[in-house]
Structures are given as C-alpha cells and as structure tokens.
N, C-alpha and C. Protein backbone atom coordinates (compact mmCIF):
# COMPACT_ATOMS: atom_id res chain seq x y z
N MET A 1 24.42 -42.20 22.76
CA MET A 1 25.75 -41.48 21.78
C MET A 1 25.42 -39.89 22.43
N MET A 2 26.40 -39.24 22.11
CA MET A 2 26.59 -37.66 22.39
C MET A 2 26.86 -37.02 21.23
N GLN A 3 26.12 -36.01 20.99
CA GLN A 3 26.23 -35.10 19.97
C GLN A 3 26.99 -34.15 20.07
N LYS A 4 27.73 -33.82 19.00
CA LYS A 4 28.85 -32.83 18.81
C LYS A 4 27.67 -31.50 19.13
N PRO A 5 28.01 -30.21 19.88
CA PRO A 5 27.36 -28.93 20.14
C PRO A 5 27.75 -28.14 18.66
N ILE A 6 26.35 -27.43 18.19
CA ILE A 6 26.67 -27.03 16.86
C ILE A 6 27.49 -25.91 17.53
N ARG A 7 28.61 -25.55 16.47
CA ARG A 7 29.62 -24.08 16.59
C ARG A 7 28.90 -23.25 15.82
N THR A 8 28.36 -22.02 15.94
CA THR A 8 28.42 -20.84 15.67
C THR A 8 29.11 -19.74 15.49
N THR A 9 29.60 -19.46 13.73
CA THR A 9 30.37 -18.37 13.70
C THR A 9 29.52 -17.21 13.57
N ARG A 10 30.55 -16.21 13.60
CA ARG A 10 29.85 -14.71 13.02
C ARG A 10 29.57 -14.92 11.85
N ALA A 11 30.22 -15.35 10.97
CA ALA A 11 29.88 -15.36 9.72
C ALA A 11 28.47 -16.08 8.68
N GLY A 12 28.56 -17.01 9.86
CA GLY A 12 27.52 -18.11 9.70
C GLY A 12 26.09 -17.08 10.43
N VAL A 13 26.00 -16.76 11.32
CA VAL A 13 25.12 -15.54 11.62
C VAL A 13 24.84 -14.90 11.13
N LEU A 14 25.53 -14.26 10.54
CA LEU A 14 25.28 -12.67 9.68
C LEU A 14 25.13 -13.49 7.86
N ALA A 15 25.05 -14.68 7.65
CA ALA A 15 24.78 -15.37 6.69
C ALA A 15 23.53 -15.67 6.94
N ALA A 16 23.02 -16.13 8.14
CA ALA A 16 21.37 -16.38 8.02
C ALA A 16 20.47 -15.13 8.35
N LEU A 17 21.21 -14.08 8.96
CA LEU A 17 20.30 -12.88 9.11
C LEU A 17 20.39 -12.12 7.84
N LEU A 18 21.21 -12.44 7.03
CA LEU A 18 21.26 -11.46 5.67
C LEU A 18 19.66 -12.49 4.71
N LEU A 19 19.80 -13.95 4.77
CA LEU A 19 18.81 -15.04 4.38
C LEU A 19 17.64 -14.35 5.21
N ALA A 20 17.82 -14.26 5.94
CA ALA A 20 16.22 -13.64 6.18
C ALA A 20 15.73 -12.70 6.11
N SER A 21 16.59 -11.53 5.74
CA SER A 21 16.23 -10.19 5.34
C SER A 21 15.75 -9.88 4.07
N LEU A 22 16.21 -11.23 3.25
CA LEU A 22 15.40 -11.70 2.04
C LEU A 22 14.58 -12.37 1.79
N LEU A 23 13.55 -13.04 2.49
CA LEU A 23 12.41 -13.25 2.47
C LEU A 23 11.63 -12.60 2.52
N PRO A 24 10.44 -13.01 1.85
CA PRO A 24 9.28 -11.75 1.29
C PRO A 24 8.55 -11.16 2.58
N GLY A 25 8.70 -10.09 2.76
CA GLY A 25 7.60 -9.31 3.98
C GLY A 25 8.22 -9.39 5.43
N THR A 26 9.67 -9.56 5.58
CA THR A 26 10.18 -9.51 6.56
C THR A 26 10.45 -8.18 7.16
N GLY A 27 11.47 -7.15 6.47
CA GLY A 27 11.41 -6.11 6.90
C GLY A 27 10.29 -5.23 7.21
N ARG A 28 8.96 -5.05 6.03
CA ARG A 28 8.19 -3.93 6.55
C ARG A 28 6.90 -5.07 7.21
N ALA A 29 6.78 -6.02 7.40
CA ALA A 29 5.98 -6.40 8.57
C ALA A 29 6.59 -6.47 9.99
N ASP A 30 8.09 -6.11 10.02
CA ASP A 30 8.46 -6.31 11.53
C ASP A 30 8.67 -4.69 11.84
N ALA A 31 8.62 -3.73 10.73
CA ALA A 31 9.33 -2.55 11.29
C ALA A 31 7.51 -1.80 11.31
N VAL A 32 6.12 -2.48 11.18
CA VAL A 32 4.96 -1.65 10.64
C VAL A 32 4.41 -2.61 12.63
N GLY A 33 5.06 -3.60 12.71
CA GLY A 33 4.85 -5.07 13.68
C GLY A 33 4.74 -4.05 14.61
N GLU A 34 6.20 -3.93 15.13
CA GLU A 34 7.12 -2.54 15.88
C GLU A 34 6.42 -1.61 16.38
N LEU A 35 6.29 -1.08 14.90
CA LEU A 35 5.45 0.79 15.66
C LEU A 35 3.94 0.28 16.16
N LEU A 36 3.53 -0.46 15.41
CA LEU A 36 1.83 -0.73 15.74
C LEU A 36 1.66 -1.24 17.49
N ASP A 37 2.90 -1.60 17.78
CA ASP A 37 2.76 -2.49 18.96
C ASP A 37 3.04 -1.13 20.06
N ALA A 38 4.44 -0.62 19.88
CA ALA A 38 4.44 0.90 20.36
C ALA A 38 3.55 1.92 20.32
N TYR A 39 2.55 1.93 19.22
CA TYR A 39 1.36 2.78 19.62
C TYR A 39 0.30 2.66 20.91
N ARG A 40 0.15 1.42 20.24
CA ARG A 40 -0.40 0.19 21.33
C ARG A 40 -0.44 0.68 22.73
N ALA A 41 1.22 0.12 23.12
CA ALA A 41 1.53 0.81 24.86
C ALA A 41 1.40 2.11 24.81
N GLN A 42 1.17 2.90 23.85
CA GLN A 42 1.20 4.58 24.38
C GLN A 42 -0.47 5.12 24.63
N GLY A 43 -1.40 3.76 24.43
CA GLY A 43 -2.66 3.86 24.69
C GLY A 43 -3.85 4.06 23.67
N ALA A 44 -3.32 3.45 22.25
CA ALA A 44 -4.06 3.76 20.90
C ALA A 44 -4.30 2.42 21.02
N ALA A 45 -5.80 2.06 20.92
CA ALA A 45 -7.02 1.01 20.60
C ALA A 45 -7.01 0.21 19.40
N ALA A 46 -7.56 -0.21 19.19
CA ALA A 46 -7.76 -1.33 17.71
C ALA A 46 -7.47 -0.08 16.45
N PHE A 47 -6.54 -0.86 15.66
CA PHE A 47 -6.13 0.06 14.45
C PHE A 47 -7.12 -0.35 13.35
N SER A 48 -7.88 1.17 12.02
CA SER A 48 -8.50 0.62 10.95
C SER A 48 -7.92 0.99 9.87
N ALA A 49 -8.14 0.38 8.90
CA ALA A 49 -7.56 0.65 7.27
C ALA A 49 -8.13 1.82 7.08
N SER A 50 -9.23 1.63 7.42
CA SER A 50 -10.49 2.53 6.70
C SER A 50 -10.61 3.82 7.61
N ARG A 51 -10.09 4.05 8.74
CA ARG A 51 -10.23 5.26 9.57
C ARG A 51 -8.73 6.09 8.84
N GLY A 52 -7.35 5.14 8.79
CA GLY A 52 -6.22 5.75 8.24
C GLY A 52 -6.88 6.03 6.71
N GLU A 53 -7.41 5.63 5.95
CA GLU A 53 -7.50 5.77 4.41
C GLU A 53 -8.26 7.07 4.48
N THR A 54 -9.43 7.60 5.44
CA THR A 54 -10.16 8.81 5.40
C THR A 54 -9.11 10.03 6.02
N LEU A 55 -8.19 9.77 6.91
CA LEU A 55 -7.46 10.34 7.41
C LEU A 55 -6.32 10.95 6.23
N TRP A 56 -5.98 10.11 6.06
CA TRP A 56 -5.21 10.33 4.37
C TRP A 56 -5.78 11.19 3.31
N MET A 57 -6.70 10.99 2.88
CA MET A 57 -7.59 11.54 2.36
C MET A 57 -8.21 12.98 2.64
N GLN A 58 -9.04 13.00 3.78
CA GLN A 58 -8.78 13.90 4.34
C GLN A 58 -8.20 15.89 4.23
N ARG A 59 -9.03 16.43 3.83
CA ARG A 59 -8.21 17.70 3.41
C ARG A 59 -8.50 18.63 4.64
N GLN A 60 -7.49 19.60 5.06
CA GLN A 60 -7.11 20.53 6.14
C GLN A 60 -6.72 21.84 5.38
N VAL A 61 -6.92 23.32 5.26
CA VAL A 61 -6.73 24.26 5.44
C VAL A 61 -5.41 24.97 6.18
N ASP A 62 -4.49 24.94 5.44
CA ASP A 62 -3.36 25.37 6.32
C ASP A 62 -4.03 27.27 6.37
N ALA A 63 -3.41 27.50 8.41
CA ALA A 63 -4.04 28.64 9.04
C ALA A 63 -3.12 29.36 8.17
N GLY A 64 -1.56 29.35 7.83
CA GLY A 64 -0.80 30.51 7.63
C GLY A 64 -1.19 30.82 6.27
N SER A 65 -1.06 29.81 5.29
CA SER A 65 -1.51 30.30 3.69
C SER A 65 -2.93 29.97 3.51
N GLY A 66 -3.86 29.32 4.17
CA GLY A 66 -5.04 29.45 3.20
C GLY A 66 -5.28 28.51 2.66
N THR A 67 -4.67 27.61 2.17
CA THR A 67 -4.50 26.40 1.18
C THR A 67 -4.89 25.23 1.82
N PRO A 68 -6.02 24.78 0.93
CA PRO A 68 -5.83 23.26 1.34
C PRO A 68 -5.24 22.12 1.49
N ARG A 69 -4.99 21.32 2.12
CA ARG A 69 -3.81 20.13 2.26
C ARG A 69 -4.26 18.84 2.45
N SER A 70 -3.64 18.13 2.16
CA SER A 70 -3.89 16.29 2.53
C SER A 70 -2.62 15.36 2.16
N CYS A 71 -2.45 14.52 2.61
CA CYS A 71 -1.79 13.48 2.68
C CYS A 71 -1.89 13.68 0.79
N THR A 72 -2.84 13.56 0.02
CA THR A 72 -2.57 13.58 -1.35
C THR A 72 -2.22 14.34 -2.33
N SER A 73 -2.05 15.88 -1.16
CA SER A 73 -1.60 16.85 -2.23
C SER A 73 0.19 16.45 -2.54
N CYS A 74 0.81 15.68 -1.85
CA CYS A 74 2.21 15.50 -2.30
C CYS A 74 1.67 13.56 -3.14
N HIS A 75 1.49 12.91 -1.99
CA HIS A 75 1.41 11.53 -2.89
C HIS A 75 0.28 11.32 -3.54
N SER A 76 -0.46 11.78 -3.91
CA SER A 76 -1.66 11.52 -5.23
C SER A 76 -2.48 10.68 -4.65
N ARG A 77 -3.57 10.58 -5.20
CA ARG A 77 -4.65 9.58 -4.51
C ARG A 77 -4.31 8.40 -4.88
N ASP A 78 -3.83 8.03 -5.37
CA ASP A 78 -3.20 6.14 -6.08
C ASP A 78 -2.04 6.60 -6.19
N LEU A 79 -2.01 5.87 -4.74
CA LEU A 79 -0.11 5.49 -3.99
C LEU A 79 0.35 4.61 -4.30
N ARG A 80 0.01 3.82 -5.89
CA ARG A 80 0.85 2.68 -6.66
C ARG A 80 1.57 3.98 -7.04
N SER A 81 1.30 4.98 -7.43
CA SER A 81 1.82 5.80 -8.64
C SER A 81 2.81 7.05 -7.67
N LYS A 82 3.78 7.60 -8.98
CA LYS A 82 4.62 8.48 -8.00
C LYS A 82 4.00 9.95 -7.68
N GLY A 83 4.35 10.56 -6.71
CA GLY A 83 3.93 11.98 -6.52
C GLY A 83 4.55 13.05 -6.96
N ARG A 84 4.53 14.18 -6.09
CA ARG A 84 4.93 15.47 -6.43
C ARG A 84 5.13 16.03 -5.07
N HIS A 85 6.42 16.26 -4.63
CA HIS A 85 6.33 17.32 -3.64
C HIS A 85 5.50 18.42 -3.55
N ALA A 86 4.54 19.09 -2.98
CA ALA A 86 3.68 20.15 -3.31
C ALA A 86 4.66 22.09 -2.96
N ARG A 87 5.37 21.81 -2.46
CA ARG A 87 6.09 23.17 -2.78
C ARG A 87 7.40 23.11 -3.11
N THR A 88 7.90 21.78 -3.54
CA THR A 88 9.49 21.72 -4.34
C THR A 88 9.54 21.17 -5.51
N GLY A 89 8.13 20.51 -5.71
CA GLY A 89 8.23 19.87 -7.03
C GLY A 89 8.93 18.50 -6.84
N LYS A 90 9.78 18.00 -6.04
CA LYS A 90 10.39 16.44 -5.98
C LYS A 90 9.70 15.68 -6.38
N LEU A 91 9.85 14.59 -6.67
CA LEU A 91 8.94 13.28 -7.07
C LEU A 91 9.55 12.86 -6.06
N ILE A 92 8.44 12.16 -5.56
CA ILE A 92 8.15 10.87 -4.57
C ILE A 92 8.01 9.62 -5.07
N GLU A 93 8.63 8.41 -4.65
CA GLU A 93 8.47 7.45 -5.28
C GLU A 93 6.66 6.64 -4.59
N PRO A 94 6.34 5.99 -5.04
CA PRO A 94 5.07 5.35 -4.62
C PRO A 94 4.94 4.90 -3.01
N MET A 95 3.87 5.32 -2.40
CA MET A 95 3.56 4.82 -1.09
C MET A 95 3.14 3.26 -1.16
N ALA A 96 2.43 3.07 -2.07
CA ALA A 96 2.07 1.54 -2.02
C ALA A 96 3.20 0.28 -1.65
N PRO A 97 3.56 -0.38 -0.30
CA PRO A 97 4.54 -1.20 -0.78
C PRO A 97 4.36 -2.29 -1.55
N SER A 98 3.39 -2.50 -2.29
CA SER A 98 3.35 -3.29 -3.52
C SER A 98 3.90 -3.26 -4.42
N VAL A 99 4.63 -1.91 -5.11
CA VAL A 99 5.03 -1.57 -5.94
C VAL A 99 6.37 -0.79 -5.14
N ASN A 100 6.41 -0.03 -3.94
CA ASN A 100 7.70 0.10 -3.47
C ASN A 100 8.59 -0.47 -2.36
N PRO A 101 8.81 -2.15 -2.62
CA PRO A 101 8.94 -2.66 -1.26
C PRO A 101 9.70 -1.82 -0.51
N GLN A 102 10.35 -0.59 -0.91
CA GLN A 102 11.32 -0.39 0.47
C GLN A 102 10.51 0.92 1.45
N ARG A 103 9.27 0.76 1.16
CA ARG A 103 8.30 1.43 1.87
C ARG A 103 7.70 0.94 2.83
N LEU A 104 7.79 1.43 4.06
CA LEU A 104 7.53 0.96 5.55
C LEU A 104 8.14 -0.20 6.22
N THR A 105 9.66 -0.18 5.96
CA THR A 105 10.56 -1.29 6.20
C THR A 105 11.69 -0.33 7.33
N ASP A 106 11.71 0.85 7.51
CA ASP A 106 12.64 1.28 8.68
C ASP A 106 11.76 2.30 9.29
N ARG A 107 12.14 2.03 10.67
CA ARG A 107 11.27 2.17 11.85
C ARG A 107 11.45 3.97 11.68
N ARG A 108 12.95 4.22 12.09
CA ARG A 108 13.13 5.80 11.82
C ARG A 108 12.71 6.72 11.30
N LYS A 109 12.88 6.09 9.43
CA LYS A 109 12.08 6.78 8.37
C LYS A 109 10.82 7.24 8.67
N ILE A 110 9.91 5.92 8.96
CA ILE A 110 8.22 6.10 9.43
C ILE A 110 8.26 7.12 10.54
N GLU A 111 9.13 7.36 11.63
CA GLU A 111 8.57 8.05 12.27
C GLU A 111 9.39 9.67 12.05
N LYS A 112 10.36 9.59 11.11
CA LYS A 112 10.84 10.87 11.01
C LYS A 112 9.43 11.57 9.72
N TRP A 113 9.20 10.61 8.82
CA TRP A 113 7.94 11.13 8.07
C TRP A 113 6.69 11.39 8.52
N PHE A 114 6.29 10.71 9.65
CA PHE A 114 5.25 11.19 10.28
C PHE A 114 5.50 12.37 11.33
N ARG A 115 6.22 12.78 11.59
CA ARG A 115 7.17 13.86 12.52
C ARG A 115 6.70 14.94 11.36
N ARG A 116 7.31 14.84 10.12
CA ARG A 116 7.27 16.25 9.49
C ARG A 116 6.07 16.09 8.71
N ASN A 117 5.98 15.35 7.93
CA ASN A 117 3.94 15.29 7.18
C ASN A 117 3.02 15.75 8.07
N CYS A 118 2.53 15.16 8.99
CA CYS A 118 1.75 15.32 10.22
C CYS A 118 1.52 16.87 10.09
N LYS A 119 3.08 17.35 10.64
CA LYS A 119 2.56 19.18 10.94
C LYS A 119 2.48 19.59 9.82
N TRP A 120 2.89 19.52 8.67
CA TRP A 120 3.11 19.87 7.76
C TRP A 120 1.72 19.84 6.98
N THR A 121 1.02 18.23 7.15
CA THR A 121 -0.27 18.19 6.67
C THR A 121 -1.85 18.90 7.59
N LEU A 122 -1.56 18.70 8.92
CA LEU A 122 -2.52 18.29 10.11
C LEU A 122 -2.07 19.86 10.92
N GLY A 123 -0.77 20.38 10.63
CA GLY A 123 -0.82 21.69 11.66
C GLY A 123 0.01 20.95 12.79
N ARG A 124 -0.03 19.77 13.19
CA ARG A 124 0.11 19.21 14.79
C ARG A 124 0.45 17.75 14.35
N LEU A 125 1.32 17.32 15.33
CA LEU A 125 1.51 16.01 15.24
C LEU A 125 0.61 15.06 15.02
N CYS A 126 0.66 13.87 14.81
CA CYS A 126 -0.23 12.87 14.69
C CYS A 126 -0.41 12.42 16.03
N THR A 127 -1.18 11.39 16.98
CA THR A 127 -1.08 10.90 17.29
C THR A 127 -0.71 9.10 17.47
N PRO A 128 -0.71 8.31 18.57
CA PRO A 128 -0.55 7.26 18.27
C PRO A 128 -1.61 6.31 17.46
N GLN A 129 -2.45 6.33 17.67
CA GLN A 129 -3.83 6.09 16.72
C GLN A 129 -4.43 6.09 15.38
N GLU A 130 -3.36 7.47 15.19
CA GLU A 130 -3.68 8.11 13.89
C GLU A 130 -2.65 7.54 12.94
N LYS A 131 -1.38 7.59 13.38
CA LYS A 131 -0.10 6.74 12.96
C LYS A 131 -0.68 5.23 12.55
N GLY A 132 -1.01 4.69 13.55
CA GLY A 132 -1.52 3.25 13.55
C GLY A 132 -2.69 3.46 12.26
N ASP A 133 -3.45 3.53 12.52
CA ASP A 133 -4.42 3.59 11.52
C ASP A 133 -4.12 4.12 10.04
N ILE A 134 -3.22 5.05 10.03
CA ILE A 134 -2.46 5.07 8.48
C ILE A 134 -1.37 4.01 8.64
N LEU A 135 -0.85 3.77 8.89
CA LEU A 135 0.12 2.38 8.51
C LEU A 135 -0.64 1.54 8.36
N SER A 136 -1.93 1.06 9.20
CA SER A 136 -2.84 -0.19 8.99
C SER A 136 -3.24 0.08 7.33
N TYR A 137 -3.44 1.26 6.91
CA TYR A 137 -4.14 1.00 5.09
C TYR A 137 -2.91 1.37 4.57
N LEU A 138 -1.83 1.88 4.88
CA LEU A 138 -0.45 1.81 3.40
C LEU A 138 -0.48 0.51 3.37
N SER A 139 -0.16 -0.11 4.74
CA SER A 139 0.46 -1.47 4.80
C SER A 139 -0.70 -2.86 4.00
N ARG A 140 -1.72 -2.22 3.66
CA ARG A 140 -2.80 -3.24 2.53
C ARG A 140 -2.60 -2.57 1.36
N LEU A 141 -1.81 -1.82 1.03
CA LEU A 141 -2.21 -1.54 -0.71
C LEU A 141 -0.60 -2.18 -1.58
C-alpha cells in the first residue's frame, strides 16, 4: 500500500518554527551553544564557569581615569537584580537568564556587548577563551 507524501506548506513550516521557538531553552541554548562552538574553533580550550565568574568580578584600573572597573560596576554583584550603567546611569536589566529570559538569546547582541564591554572594562577585546568562560558562568544563573 503506497502512502501519500506529506506536503509541507510555508505556513506549516513557519508555524513549526514558531512553536519550536517557544519551547523552553531553545533560544538561549542555541545562541550560547553556537558561540561556544565558534570560540572552540578559534582555539579556546574547555570553558569554566568559575573562571568566568572570576573574570566577571575582577577589578581593572582604567588607564585614563585611574578608577577601578569590573563587570559588576554596571551589572551589580547580584546578576538577578537590575544594574545601572556607571557613566550614564541608565538601568540595565538583570543578566541572569533565569530572571531575564531574553538574555543570551541573540548571537549578534552577545558579540556586540562583548566588544563594547570588554573594551570598556578590560581596556581590550576579550579572547575567545574569556568569552566562553563568561558565557558558561552567565548561562548557569
């Protein structure tokens, strides 16, 4: 007995994609997983959430102003609460994905903020290893 082939419509495909995007963890896991794979391809070793936390909390002295900076300068030590930008005073939504489900879901945004924030905080770009360690740390929150 021959079965009819299943016909896929554009609306059906879009509906399936929408449904999949609503499943728990799909956005964050995909973006973070893809970035971690990319960092490994760039030569990073195994990632460590504890190294990521250490880097997140580490204080650097800004060469220009002499003021100490760390990721906590804007994001606070409790990443489940809102932060405040050190220069502008603008509120920053919590970094913890468990509190803010939109965090770590967009590869472009993650890379954009790594560029900006690593330069401001560390005075240089983060290495693929550092970015992977930080993402490992933040993903656990």
